[in-house]
Amino acid sequence: MREKRKEPFLGYFSVNENRFGWLTIKKKLKTILPTLKEKKRYLAFEIVSDSQIKDLNAISEQIMAKTLELIGQLGVAKAGIQVIKDTWNPEKQRGILRVSNKHVDEIRSALALIKQIDNKDVIVKSIGVSGILNKAKQKYLIWGVK
């Protein structure tokens, strides 16, 4: 039997032997520079309706449907929309979306187009935008700034 030998480390490459005895070279991935990372904004929204809407999935489906209708699939992919589940407050009917910084205005206009959720008439208002999630939670969800 062969002895297992340590993988030699050559800079960003490591060389090891696979089960067939062939040498393979693995390259370590570099981390992305902060200037190349996608910049995001946190968009706080409020739903105004006669009755409370507790189903966050229905809300996120309607947001995605109206956004698809307005800016298309490529726009939705570039916008990188995510409904943050921890932030939904069913008593105040408020929540937070994560969006790319270049597409905030388009998402605001898509929110304004939403007229019904679960066959209930609603108005979706954009409350504000923040660059940090904790600040958005404090300013728009906890303190309830209007």
N, C-alpha and C. Protein backbone atom coordinates (compact mmCIF):
# COMPACT_ATOMS: atom_id res chain seq x y z
N MET A 1 0.83 -1.19 0.00
CA MET A 1 0.00 0.00 0.00
C MET A 1 0.87 1.24 0.00
N ARG A 2 0.33 2.23 -0.59
CA ARG A 2 1.04 3.50 -0.64
C ARG A 2 0.82 4.29 0.63
N GLU A 3 1.82 5.04 0.97
CA GLU A 3 1.67 5.96 2.10
C GLU A 3 0.97 7.21 1.62
N LYS A 4 0.12 7.72 2.47
CA LYS A 4 -0.51 8.99 2.13
C LYS A 4 0.48 10.09 2.41
N ARG A 5 0.68 10.92 1.44
CA ARG A 5 1.61 12.00 1.65
C ARG A 5 0.84 13.32 1.78
N LYS A 6 1.48 14.25 2.42
CA LYS A 6 0.88 15.57 2.60
C LYS A 6 0.81 16.28 1.26
N GLU A 7 -0.23 17.11 1.15
CA GLU A 7 -0.36 17.91 -0.07
C GLU A 7 0.65 19.05 -0.01
N PRO A 8 1.52 19.14 -0.99
CA PRO A 8 2.42 20.30 -1.01
C PRO A 8 1.63 21.54 -1.39
N PHE A 9 1.95 22.64 -0.78
CA PHE A 9 1.25 23.89 -1.06
C PHE A 9 2.18 24.79 -1.86
N LEU A 10 1.74 25.15 -3.04
CA LEU A 10 2.55 25.99 -3.92
C LEU A 10 1.79 27.29 -4.20
N GLY A 11 1.93 28.26 -3.36
CA GLY A 11 1.25 29.54 -3.57
C GLY A 11 -0.26 29.37 -3.46
N TYR A 12 -0.97 29.64 -4.54
CA TYR A 12 -2.43 29.50 -4.56
C TYR A 12 -2.85 28.11 -5.02
N PHE A 13 -1.90 27.24 -5.32
CA PHE A 13 -2.21 25.91 -5.83
C PHE A 13 -1.82 24.86 -4.81
N SER A 14 -2.58 23.78 -4.74
CA SER A 14 -2.18 22.63 -3.95
C SER A 14 -2.20 21.41 -4.87
N VAL A 15 -1.20 20.55 -4.71
CA VAL A 15 -1.08 19.38 -5.57
C VAL A 15 -1.35 18.16 -4.71
N ASN A 16 -2.26 17.28 -5.19
CA ASN A 16 -2.49 16.03 -4.48
C ASN A 16 -2.70 14.90 -5.48
N GLU A 17 -2.71 13.70 -4.97
CA GLU A 17 -2.82 12.53 -5.82
C GLU A 17 -4.21 11.94 -5.61
N ASN A 18 -4.94 11.68 -6.71
CA ASN A 18 -6.27 11.10 -6.56
C ASN A 18 -6.17 9.59 -6.46
N ARG A 19 -7.30 8.92 -6.46
CA ARG A 19 -7.30 7.46 -6.22
C ARG A 19 -6.67 6.66 -7.35
N PHE A 20 -6.49 7.25 -8.52
CA PHE A 20 -5.87 6.55 -9.63
C PHE A 20 -4.37 6.78 -9.71
N GLY A 21 -3.86 7.62 -8.80
CA GLY A 21 -2.44 7.88 -8.81
C GLY A 21 -2.05 9.07 -9.67
N TRP A 22 -3.05 9.77 -10.21
CA TRP A 22 -2.75 10.94 -11.02
C TRP A 22 -2.62 12.15 -10.13
N LEU A 23 -1.77 13.05 -10.54
CA LEU A 23 -1.62 14.29 -9.79
C LEU A 23 -2.67 15.29 -10.26
N THR A 24 -3.34 15.91 -9.32
CA THR A 24 -4.32 16.94 -9.66
C THR A 24 -3.90 18.23 -8.98
N ILE A 25 -4.22 19.32 -9.61
CA ILE A 25 -3.90 20.62 -9.06
C ILE A 25 -5.21 21.33 -8.72
N LYS A 26 -5.32 21.75 -7.48
CA LYS A 26 -6.50 22.48 -7.04
C LYS A 26 -6.11 23.93 -6.82
N LYS A 27 -6.94 24.82 -7.32
CA LYS A 27 -6.67 26.24 -7.16
C LYS A 27 -7.61 26.79 -6.09
N LYS A 28 -7.05 27.52 -5.13
CA LYS A 28 -7.89 28.15 -4.11
C LYS A 28 -8.56 29.38 -4.69
N LEU A 29 -9.83 29.57 -4.33
CA LEU A 29 -10.57 30.72 -4.83
C LEU A 29 -10.20 31.97 -4.05
N LYS A 30 -10.09 33.06 -4.76
CA LYS A 30 -9.82 34.33 -4.11
C LYS A 30 -11.14 34.92 -3.63
N THR A 31 -11.07 35.72 -2.59
CA THR A 31 -12.26 36.40 -2.13
C THR A 31 -12.53 37.61 -3.03
N ILE A 32 -13.80 37.97 -3.11
CA ILE A 32 -14.19 39.10 -3.96
C ILE A 32 -13.86 40.40 -3.25
N LEU A 33 -13.31 41.33 -3.97
CA LEU A 33 -13.01 42.63 -3.41
C LEU A 33 -14.30 43.37 -3.06
N PRO A 34 -14.30 44.17 -2.01
CA PRO A 34 -15.52 44.88 -1.62
C PRO A 34 -16.07 45.80 -2.71
N THR A 35 -15.20 46.33 -3.55
CA THR A 35 -15.67 47.22 -4.62
C THR A 35 -16.42 46.46 -5.70
N LEU A 36 -16.21 45.15 -5.79
CA LEU A 36 -16.87 44.33 -6.81
C LEU A 36 -18.15 43.68 -6.31
N LYS A 37 -18.41 43.74 -5.02
CA LYS A 37 -19.61 43.13 -4.47
C LYS A 37 -20.84 43.95 -4.81
N GLU A 38 -21.98 43.26 -4.89
CA GLU A 38 -23.24 43.94 -5.18
C GLU A 38 -23.66 44.78 -3.99
N LYS A 39 -24.00 46.02 -4.25
CA LYS A 39 -24.46 46.91 -3.19
C LYS A 39 -25.96 46.73 -3.03
N LYS A 40 -26.42 46.72 -1.79
CA LYS A 40 -27.83 46.44 -1.55
C LYS A 40 -28.45 47.54 -0.69
N ARG A 41 -29.76 47.64 -0.81
CA ARG A 41 -30.54 48.56 0.00
C ARG A 41 -31.70 47.79 0.61
N TYR A 42 -32.16 48.26 1.74
CA TYR A 42 -33.28 47.63 2.42
C TYR A 42 -34.48 48.56 2.32
N LEU A 43 -35.51 48.11 1.63
CA LEU A 43 -36.69 48.90 1.33
C LEU A 43 -37.82 48.47 2.27
N ALA A 44 -38.25 49.38 3.13
CA ALA A 44 -39.34 49.10 4.06
C ALA A 44 -40.67 49.43 3.37
N PHE A 45 -41.65 48.54 3.55
CA PHE A 45 -42.96 48.75 2.94
C PHE A 45 -44.06 48.49 3.96
N GLU A 46 -45.22 49.06 3.69
CA GLU A 46 -46.39 48.91 4.56
C GLU A 46 -47.59 48.56 3.70
N ILE A 47 -48.43 47.65 4.21
CA ILE A 47 -49.64 47.26 3.50
C ILE A 47 -50.84 47.85 4.23
N VAL A 48 -51.65 48.60 3.50
CA VAL A 48 -52.85 49.20 4.07
C VAL A 48 -54.05 48.42 3.52
N SER A 49 -54.84 47.83 4.43
CA SER A 49 -56.02 47.08 4.01
C SER A 49 -57.04 47.05 5.14
N ASP A 50 -58.26 46.62 4.81
CA ASP A 50 -59.32 46.55 5.82
C ASP A 50 -59.05 45.43 6.82
N SER A 51 -58.55 44.30 6.34
CA SER A 51 -58.26 43.17 7.23
C SER A 51 -56.77 42.85 7.17
N GLN A 52 -56.29 42.21 8.22
CA GLN A 52 -54.86 41.89 8.29
C GLN A 52 -54.51 40.76 7.33
N ILE A 53 -53.33 40.87 6.76
CA ILE A 53 -52.79 39.82 5.90
C ILE A 53 -51.62 39.20 6.64
N LYS A 54 -51.76 37.93 6.99
CA LYS A 54 -50.74 37.27 7.79
C LYS A 54 -49.81 36.40 6.96
N ASP A 55 -50.22 36.07 5.74
CA ASP A 55 -49.46 35.15 4.90
C ASP A 55 -48.36 35.90 4.15
N LEU A 56 -47.13 35.76 4.60
CA LEU A 56 -46.00 36.44 3.97
C LEU A 56 -45.71 35.86 2.59
N ASN A 57 -45.99 34.57 2.39
CA ASN A 57 -45.74 33.95 1.08
C ASN A 57 -46.63 34.58 0.00
N ALA A 58 -47.87 34.86 0.33
CA ALA A 58 -48.77 35.50 -0.63
C ALA A 58 -48.28 36.90 -0.98
N ILE A 59 -47.77 37.60 0.02
CA ILE A 59 -47.25 38.95 -0.21
C ILE A 59 -46.03 38.89 -1.12
N SER A 60 -45.09 37.99 -0.83
CA SER A 60 -43.87 37.91 -1.64
C SER A 60 -44.18 37.44 -3.06
N GLU A 61 -45.16 36.54 -3.22
CA GLU A 61 -45.55 36.11 -4.57
C GLU A 61 -46.12 37.27 -5.37
N GLN A 62 -46.94 38.10 -4.73
CA GLN A 62 -47.53 39.24 -5.42
C GLN A 62 -46.48 40.29 -5.77
N ILE A 63 -45.52 40.49 -4.87
CA ILE A 63 -44.43 41.43 -5.16
C ILE A 63 -43.62 40.95 -6.36
N MET A 64 -43.29 39.67 -6.38
CA MET A 64 -42.52 39.12 -7.50
C MET A 64 -43.32 39.17 -8.81
N ALA A 65 -44.63 38.89 -8.74
CA ALA A 65 -45.46 38.91 -9.95
C ALA A 65 -45.53 40.31 -10.56
N LYS A 66 -45.76 41.32 -9.72
CA LYS A 66 -45.85 42.68 -10.24
C LYS A 66 -44.50 43.19 -10.72
N THR A 67 -43.43 42.78 -10.06
CA THR A 67 -42.09 43.19 -10.50
C THR A 67 -41.76 42.55 -11.84
N LEU A 68 -42.12 41.27 -12.00
CA LEU A 68 -41.92 40.60 -13.28
C LEU A 68 -42.71 41.29 -14.38
N GLU A 69 -43.93 41.69 -14.06
CA GLU A 69 -44.78 42.37 -15.03
C GLU A 69 -44.19 43.71 -15.45
N LEU A 70 -43.59 44.41 -14.50
CA LEU A 70 -43.08 45.75 -14.77
C LEU A 70 -41.71 45.75 -15.45
N ILE A 71 -40.74 45.00 -14.88
CA ILE A 71 -39.36 45.10 -15.40
C ILE A 71 -38.85 43.82 -16.05
N GLY A 72 -39.64 42.74 -16.06
CA GLY A 72 -39.26 41.52 -16.75
C GLY A 72 -38.30 40.65 -15.94
N GLN A 73 -37.99 39.49 -16.50
CA GLN A 73 -37.15 38.52 -15.81
C GLN A 73 -35.72 39.01 -15.63
N LEU A 74 -35.18 39.64 -16.63
CA LEU A 74 -33.80 40.13 -16.54
C LEU A 74 -33.70 41.22 -15.48
N GLY A 75 -34.69 42.09 -15.42
CA GLY A 75 -34.71 43.14 -14.41
C GLY A 75 -34.83 42.59 -13.00
N VAL A 76 -35.67 41.56 -12.84
CA VAL A 76 -35.82 40.92 -11.52
C VAL A 76 -34.52 40.26 -11.10
N ALA A 77 -33.85 39.63 -12.06
CA ALA A 77 -32.58 38.97 -11.74
C ALA A 77 -31.52 40.00 -11.34
N LYS A 78 -31.48 41.12 -12.04
CA LYS A 78 -30.51 42.16 -11.70
C LYS A 78 -30.85 42.85 -10.38
N ALA A 79 -32.15 42.97 -10.09
CA ALA A 79 -32.57 43.65 -8.87
C ALA A 79 -32.27 42.82 -7.62
N GLY A 80 -32.27 41.50 -7.74
CA GLY A 80 -31.95 40.63 -6.61
C GLY A 80 -32.89 40.81 -5.43
N ILE A 81 -34.18 40.75 -5.69
CA ILE A 81 -35.18 41.01 -4.65
C ILE A 81 -35.26 39.83 -3.69
N GLN A 82 -35.26 40.15 -2.39
CA GLN A 82 -35.48 39.15 -1.35
C GLN A 82 -36.38 39.75 -0.29
N VAL A 83 -37.45 39.03 0.04
CA VAL A 83 -38.30 39.45 1.15
C VAL A 83 -37.68 38.86 2.41
N ILE A 84 -37.34 39.69 3.37
CA ILE A 84 -36.69 39.22 4.58
C ILE A 84 -37.78 38.77 5.56
N LYS A 85 -37.81 37.47 5.83
CA LYS A 85 -38.91 36.88 6.60
C LYS A 85 -38.93 37.30 8.06
N ASP A 86 -37.76 37.53 8.64
CA ASP A 86 -37.70 37.90 10.07
C ASP A 86 -38.33 39.26 10.33
N THR A 87 -38.42 40.09 9.32
CA THR A 87 -38.83 41.47 9.53
C THR A 87 -40.32 41.70 9.36
N TRP A 88 -41.09 40.71 8.92
CA TRP A 88 -42.52 40.92 8.70
C TRP A 88 -43.23 41.07 10.04
N ASN A 89 -43.93 42.19 10.20
CA ASN A 89 -44.69 42.49 11.42
C ASN A 89 -46.18 42.46 11.07
N PRO A 90 -46.89 41.38 11.43
CA PRO A 90 -48.30 41.27 11.02
C PRO A 90 -49.23 42.27 11.71
N GLU A 91 -48.87 42.78 12.90
CA GLU A 91 -49.73 43.76 13.56
C GLU A 91 -49.69 45.10 12.84
N LYS A 92 -48.48 45.55 12.49
CA LYS A 92 -48.33 46.83 11.80
C LYS A 92 -48.41 46.70 10.29
N GLN A 93 -48.42 45.46 9.79
CA GLN A 93 -48.46 45.17 8.35
C GLN A 93 -47.25 45.80 7.65
N ARG A 94 -46.08 45.62 8.24
CA ARG A 94 -44.85 46.18 7.66
C ARG A 94 -43.80 45.09 7.47
N GLY A 95 -42.95 45.31 6.49
CA GLY A 95 -41.87 44.37 6.22
C GLY A 95 -40.73 45.08 5.50
N ILE A 96 -39.68 44.30 5.21
CA ILE A 96 -38.50 44.85 4.56
C ILE A 96 -38.09 43.94 3.40
N LEU A 97 -37.75 44.58 2.28
CA LEU A 97 -37.22 43.89 1.10
C LEU A 97 -35.74 44.23 0.95
N ARG A 98 -34.97 43.27 0.47
CA ARG A 98 -33.58 43.56 0.12
C ARG A 98 -33.51 43.70 -1.40
N VAL A 99 -32.92 44.80 -1.87
CA VAL A 99 -32.91 45.13 -3.29
C VAL A 99 -31.52 45.66 -3.66
N SER A 100 -31.14 45.52 -4.91
CA SER A 100 -29.92 46.14 -5.40
C SER A 100 -30.10 47.65 -5.40
N ASN A 101 -29.02 48.38 -5.17
CA ASN A 101 -29.13 49.83 -5.04
C ASN A 101 -29.53 50.52 -6.34
N LYS A 102 -29.31 49.88 -7.47
CA LYS A 102 -29.65 50.50 -8.75
C LYS A 102 -31.12 50.33 -9.13
N HIS A 103 -31.84 49.47 -8.43
CA HIS A 103 -33.21 49.14 -8.82
C HIS A 103 -34.25 49.51 -7.76
N VAL A 104 -33.91 50.35 -6.84
CA VAL A 104 -34.83 50.72 -5.77
C VAL A 104 -36.07 51.41 -6.32
N ASP A 105 -35.89 52.35 -7.24
CA ASP A 105 -37.03 53.09 -7.78
C ASP A 105 -37.98 52.19 -8.56
N GLU A 106 -37.43 51.24 -9.29
CA GLU A 106 -38.28 50.31 -10.06
C GLU A 106 -39.11 49.43 -9.12
N ILE A 107 -38.51 48.99 -8.03
CA ILE A 107 -39.24 48.14 -7.08
C ILE A 107 -40.30 48.96 -6.36
N ARG A 108 -40.00 50.21 -6.06
CA ARG A 108 -41.02 51.08 -5.44
C ARG A 108 -42.23 51.22 -6.35
N SER A 109 -41.99 51.40 -7.64
CA SER A 109 -43.11 51.54 -8.56
C SER A 109 -43.86 50.22 -8.71
N ALA A 110 -43.17 49.10 -8.63
CA ALA A 110 -43.85 47.80 -8.70
C ALA A 110 -44.71 47.58 -7.46
N LEU A 111 -44.24 48.03 -6.29
CA LEU A 111 -45.05 47.92 -5.07
C LEU A 111 -46.33 48.74 -5.20
N ALA A 112 -46.24 49.89 -5.84
CA ALA A 112 -47.41 50.75 -6.00
C ALA A 112 -48.46 50.11 -6.92
N LEU A 113 -48.07 49.19 -7.77
CA LEU A 113 -49.00 48.54 -8.69
C LEU A 113 -49.82 47.43 -8.03
N ILE A 114 -49.42 46.97 -6.87
CA ILE A 114 -50.14 45.87 -6.20
C ILE A 114 -51.48 46.38 -5.70
N LYS A 115 -52.55 45.74 -6.14
CA LYS A 115 -53.91 46.15 -5.76
C LYS A 115 -54.63 45.10 -4.92
N GLN A 116 -54.26 43.82 -5.07
CA GLN A 116 -54.92 42.75 -4.32
C GLN A 116 -53.91 41.72 -3.85
N ILE A 117 -54.13 41.25 -2.62
CA ILE A 117 -53.38 40.12 -2.07
C ILE A 117 -54.40 39.21 -1.41
N ASP A 118 -54.42 37.95 -1.80
CA ASP A 118 -55.40 36.97 -1.30
C ASP A 118 -56.84 37.48 -1.46
N ASN A 119 -57.15 38.04 -2.61
CA ASN A 119 -58.48 38.57 -2.93
C ASN A 119 -58.94 39.65 -1.96
N LYS A 120 -58.01 40.35 -1.35
CA LYS A 120 -58.33 41.47 -0.48
C LYS A 120 -57.73 42.72 -1.11
N ASP A 121 -58.49 43.79 -1.15
CA ASP A 121 -57.99 45.04 -1.71
C ASP A 121 -56.96 45.65 -0.78
N VAL A 122 -55.82 46.00 -1.34
CA VAL A 122 -54.72 46.55 -0.54
C VAL A 122 -54.06 47.72 -1.25
N ILE A 123 -53.34 48.49 -0.48
CA ILE A 123 -52.44 49.52 -0.99
C ILE A 123 -51.09 49.25 -0.35
N VAL A 124 -50.06 49.14 -1.17
CA VAL A 124 -48.71 48.89 -0.66
C VAL A 124 -47.92 50.18 -0.78
N LYS A 125 -47.47 50.68 0.36
CA LYS A 125 -46.72 51.93 0.40
C LYS A 125 -45.25 51.65 0.71
N SER A 126 -44.39 52.38 0.07
CA SER A 126 -42.97 52.34 0.38
C SER A 126 -42.71 53.35 1.49
N ILE A 127 -42.18 52.90 2.62
CA ILE A 127 -41.95 53.79 3.76
C ILE A 127 -40.60 54.47 3.65
N GLY A 128 -39.56 53.70 3.36
CA GLY A 128 -38.23 54.28 3.29
C GLY A 128 -37.19 53.27 2.88
N VAL A 129 -35.97 53.76 2.68
CA VAL A 129 -34.85 52.94 2.25
C VAL A 129 -33.67 53.17 3.17
N SER A 130 -32.95 52.09 3.47
CA SER A 130 -31.76 52.19 4.29
C SER A 130 -30.67 51.29 3.71
N GLY A 131 -29.44 51.61 4.02
CA GLY A 131 -28.32 50.79 3.57
C GLY A 131 -27.94 49.71 4.55
N ILE A 132 -28.48 49.79 5.77
CA ILE A 132 -28.15 48.83 6.83
C ILE A 132 -29.45 48.24 7.35
N LEU A 133 -29.49 46.91 7.49
CA LEU A 133 -30.72 46.23 7.90
C LEU A 133 -31.16 46.63 9.30
N ASN A 134 -30.23 46.73 10.24
CA ASN A 134 -30.60 47.07 11.62
C ASN A 134 -31.18 48.48 11.70
N LYS A 135 -30.63 49.40 10.94
CA LYS A 135 -31.19 50.76 10.93
C LYS A 135 -32.59 50.78 10.33
N ALA A 136 -32.80 49.98 9.30
CA ALA A 136 -34.12 49.91 8.68
C ALA A 136 -35.13 49.31 9.65
N LYS A 137 -34.71 48.29 10.40
CA LYS A 137 -35.61 47.69 11.40
C LYS A 137 -35.97 48.71 12.47
N GLN A 138 -34.97 49.40 13.00
CA GLN A 138 -35.22 50.37 14.08
C GLN A 138 -36.07 51.54 13.59
N LYS A 139 -35.73 52.07 12.45
CA LYS A 139 -36.37 53.30 12.00
C LYS A 139 -37.80 53.05 11.49
N TYR A 140 -38.01 51.96 10.77
CA TYR A 140 -39.30 51.77 10.10
C TYR A 140 -40.19 50.71 10.74
N LEU A 141 -39.63 49.75 11.45
CA LEU A 141 -40.47 48.70 12.03
C LEU A 141 -40.72 48.90 13.52
N ILE A 142 -39.67 49.21 14.27
CA ILE A 142 -39.82 49.31 15.72
C ILE A 142 -40.41 50.66 16.12
N TRP A 143 -39.78 51.75 15.67
CA TRP A 143 -40.25 53.08 16.06
C TRP A 143 -41.47 53.50 15.26
N GLY A 144 -41.63 52.97 14.08
CA GLY A 144 -42.80 53.27 13.28
C GLY A 144 -42.83 54.67 12.71
N VAL A 145 -41.71 55.12 12.18
CA VAL A 145 -41.65 56.44 11.57
C VAL A 145 -42.51 56.42 10.31
N LYS A 146 -43.31 57.46 10.12
CA LYS A 146 -44.17 57.50 8.94
C LYS A 146 -43.67 58.51 7.95
